[in-house]
Every structure is written in structure tokens, then in C-alpha cells.
Amino acid sequence: MAFKLPPSSYLIPRTKSGYRKNSPDVNNKQNIIPSNKISMKEKNGKPLKKGSIIGTGLTTGKTKIMKPGKNYTFPGDNEVLETPTKK
């Protein structure tokens, strides 16, 4: 069975720039990335300044804690819900 988000999730912004420091979406509580490949790097290749982010595949529901500087793939998903961890 596919992972289902509550109806309120339709209000979560979809963004390709996610939590990169110059993204207009950097301060959102959550973002949806329209891809199953997630880079935790800034545009210049350095580790993401935002810190660790929880990624949840929107088809499978599989969750990973994603660390800055690494790349992640969510097989079987088309979109990933990102939620920053609390600092």
C-alpha cells in the first residue's frame, strides 16, 4: 500500500532548491522535492548549511535521516518530503 499524507500536505511547497542557503524555501517548515534523488550539498558543493534533514518518500513512506554533504536516493518514490531536524 502506498504511503498517504494527510490532506493538509497539499499546502506543503514543492521546490527543486529545497533547503539550500539561497533558496526562497530555506525557512519553510517542510518542503516536497519532486525527485527521488536528494543532494545534501549547497550549489558550490559544500555540505548543506541547514543541517540534517528527515526525508520521507511519498510513495513508499520510507524515512531516512539525511546528513549534509551526502547524496540520497529513495527507490520507488517520485517525491520526497523534507523536514529539518531540530537544532
C-alpha atoms as a PDB file:
ATOM      1  CA  MET A   1       0.000   0.000   0.000  1.00  0.00           C
ATOM      2  CA  ALA A   2       1.281   3.482  -0.842  1.00  0.00           C
ATOM      3  CA  PHE A   3       2.200   5.973   1.868  1.00  0.00           C
ATOM      4  CA  LYS A   4      -0.532   8.619   2.248  1.00  0.00           C
ATOM      5  CA  LEU A   5      -0.037  12.140   3.519  1.00  0.00           C
ATOM      6  CA  PRO A   6      -2.917  13.930   5.232  1.00  0.00           C
ATOM      7  CA  PRO A   7      -4.919  16.415   3.099  1.00  0.00           C
ATOM      8  CA  SER A   8      -3.077  19.325   4.741  1.00  0.00           C
ATOM      9  CA  SER A   9       0.087  18.151   2.963  1.00  0.00           C
ATOM     10  CA  TYR A  10      -1.235  19.653  -0.255  1.00  0.00           C
ATOM     11  CA  LEU A  11      -0.210  23.005   1.231  1.00  0.00           C
ATOM     12  CA  ILE A  12       3.469  21.992   1.552  1.00  0.00           C
ATOM     13  CA  PRO A  13       5.563  23.794  -1.090  1.00  0.00           C
ATOM     14  CA  ARG A  14       7.156  21.789  -3.890  1.00  0.00           C
ATOM     15  CA  THR A  15      10.646  23.063  -4.633  1.00  0.00           C
ATOM     16  CA  LYS A  16      13.741  21.979  -6.536  1.00  0.00           C
ATOM     17  CA  SER A  17      16.081  24.148  -4.452  1.00  0.00           C
ATOM     18  CA  GLY A  18      14.905  22.805  -1.070  1.00  0.00           C
ATOM     19  CA  TYR A  19      16.894  23.980   1.949  1.00  0.00           C
ATOM     20  CA  ARG A  20      19.947  25.379   0.157  1.00  0.00           C
ATOM     21  CA  LYS A  21      21.053  28.666   1.730  1.00  0.00           C
ATOM     22  CA  ASN A  22      19.933  30.855  -1.219  1.00  0.00           C
ATOM     23  CA  SER A  23      16.632  29.032  -1.797  1.00  0.00           C
ATOM     24  CA  PRO A  24      13.410  31.009  -1.338  1.00  0.00           C
ATOM     25  CA  ASP A  25      12.149  27.911   0.522  1.00  0.00           C
ATOM     26  CA  VAL A  26      15.026  27.636   3.036  1.00  0.00           C
ATOM     27  CA  ASN A  27      12.870  28.694   6.012  1.00  0.00           C
ATOM     28  CA  ASN A  28       9.818  26.508   5.280  1.00  0.00           C
ATOM     29  CA  LYS A  29       8.809  24.023   7.975  1.00  0.00           C
ATOM     30  CA  GLN A  30       8.678  21.333   5.279  1.00  0.00           C
ATOM     31  CA  ASN A  31       9.366  21.046   1.552  1.00  0.00           C
ATOM     32  CA  ILE A  32       8.475  18.453  -1.050  1.00  0.00           C
ATOM     33  CA  ILE A  33      11.220  17.718  -3.564  1.00  0.00           C
ATOM     34  CA  PRO A  34       9.826  16.495  -6.935  1.00  0.00           C
ATOM     35  CA  SER A  35      12.508  13.818  -7.330  1.00  0.00           C
ATOM     36  CA  ASN A  36      13.736  10.655  -5.632  1.00  0.00           C
ATOM     37  CA  LYS A  37      17.367  11.851  -5.744  1.00  0.00           C
ATOM     38  CA  ILE A  38      18.326  14.227  -2.952  1.00  0.00           C
ATOM     39  CA  SER A  39      21.605  16.129  -2.705  1.00  0.00           C
ATOM     40  CA  MET A  40      22.558  17.425   0.716  1.00  0.00           C
ATOM     41  CA  LYS A  41      25.060  19.838  -0.806  1.00  0.00           C
ATOM     42  CA  GLU A  42      24.963  23.569  -1.460  1.00  0.00           C
ATOM     43  CA  LYS A  43      25.261  24.776  -5.090  1.00  0.00           C
ATOM     44  CA  ASN A  44      29.040  25.159  -4.579  1.00  0.00           C
ATOM     45  CA  GLY A  45      29.357  21.500  -3.500  1.00  0.00           C
ATOM     46  CA  LYS A  46      29.882  22.197   0.206  1.00  0.00           C
ATOM     47  CA  PRO A  47      27.728  20.393   2.819  1.00  0.00           C
ATOM     48  CA  LEU A  48      24.227  21.814   3.258  1.00  0.00           C
ATOM     49  CA  LYS A  49      24.280  24.585   5.885  1.00  0.00           C
ATOM     50  CA  LYS A  50      20.732  23.793   7.095  1.00  0.00           C
ATOM     51  CA  GLY A  51      21.984  20.628   8.801  1.00  0.00           C
ATOM     52  CA  SER A  52      20.420  17.174   8.907  1.00  0.00           C
ATOM     53  CA  ILE A  53      17.017  16.690   7.303  1.00  0.00           C
ATOM     54  CA  ILE A  54      14.491  13.890   7.637  1.00  0.00           C
ATOM     55  CA  GLY A  55      13.449  12.630   4.197  1.00  0.00           C
ATOM     56  CA  THR A  56      10.262  10.606   3.664  1.00  0.00           C
ATOM     57  CA  GLY A  57       9.403   9.061   0.306  1.00  0.00           C
ATOM     58  CA  LEU A  58       5.827   9.962  -0.588  1.00  0.00           C
ATOM     59  CA  THR A  59       5.061   6.647  -2.289  1.00  0.00           C
ATOM     60  CA  THR A  60       6.825   4.151  -0.025  1.00  0.00           C
ATOM     61  CA  GLY A  61       6.796   6.065   3.264  1.00  0.00           C
ATOM     62  CA  LYS A  62      10.425   5.068   3.857  1.00  0.00           C
ATOM     63  CA  THR A  63      12.266   7.582   6.021  1.00  0.00           C
ATOM     64  CA  LYS A  64      15.970   8.447   6.165  1.00  0.00           C
ATOM     65  CA  ILE A  65      17.905  10.959   8.230  1.00  0.00           C
ATOM     66  CA  MET A  66      19.948  12.743   5.591  1.00  0.00           C
ATOM     67  CA  LYS A  67      23.294  14.239   6.590  1.00  0.00           C
ATOM     68  CA  PRO A  68      24.921  17.310   4.981  1.00  0.00           C
ATOM     69  CA  GLY A  69      27.423  16.590   2.229  1.00  0.00           C
ATOM     70  CA  LYS A  70      25.880  13.283   1.115  1.00  0.00           C
ATOM     71  CA  ASN A  71      23.524  12.205  -1.685  1.00  0.00           C
ATOM     72  CA  TYR A  72      20.459  10.021  -1.176  1.00  0.00           C
ATOM     73  CA  THR A  73      18.107   8.013  -3.388  1.00  0.00           C
ATOM     74  CA  PHE A  74      14.573   6.948  -2.493  1.00  0.00           C
ATOM     75  CA  PRO A  75      13.853   3.937  -4.760  1.00  0.00           C
ATOM     76  CA  GLY A  76      10.178   3.605  -5.678  1.00  0.00           C
ATOM     77  CA  ASP A  77       9.364   7.242  -4.895  1.00  0.00           C
ATOM     78  CA  ASN A  78       8.780  10.225  -7.188  1.00  0.00           C
ATOM     79  CA  GLU A  79       8.761  12.881  -4.455  1.00  0.00           C
ATOM     80  CA  VAL A  80      10.404  13.267  -1.051  1.00  0.00           C
ATOM     81  CA  LEU A  81       9.045  15.194   1.932  1.00  0.00           C
ATOM     82  CA  GLU A  82      11.874  17.025   3.707  1.00  0.00           C
ATOM     83  CA  THR A  83      11.647  18.112   7.344  1.00  0.00           C
ATOM     84  CA  PRO A  84      14.653  19.761   9.040  1.00  0.00           C
ATOM     85  CA  THR A  85      15.734  18.197  12.313  1.00  0.00           C
ATOM     86  CA  LYS A  86      15.605  20.436  15.347  1.00  0.00           C
ATOM     87  CA  LYS A  87      18.917  22.036  16.274  1.00  0.00           C
END
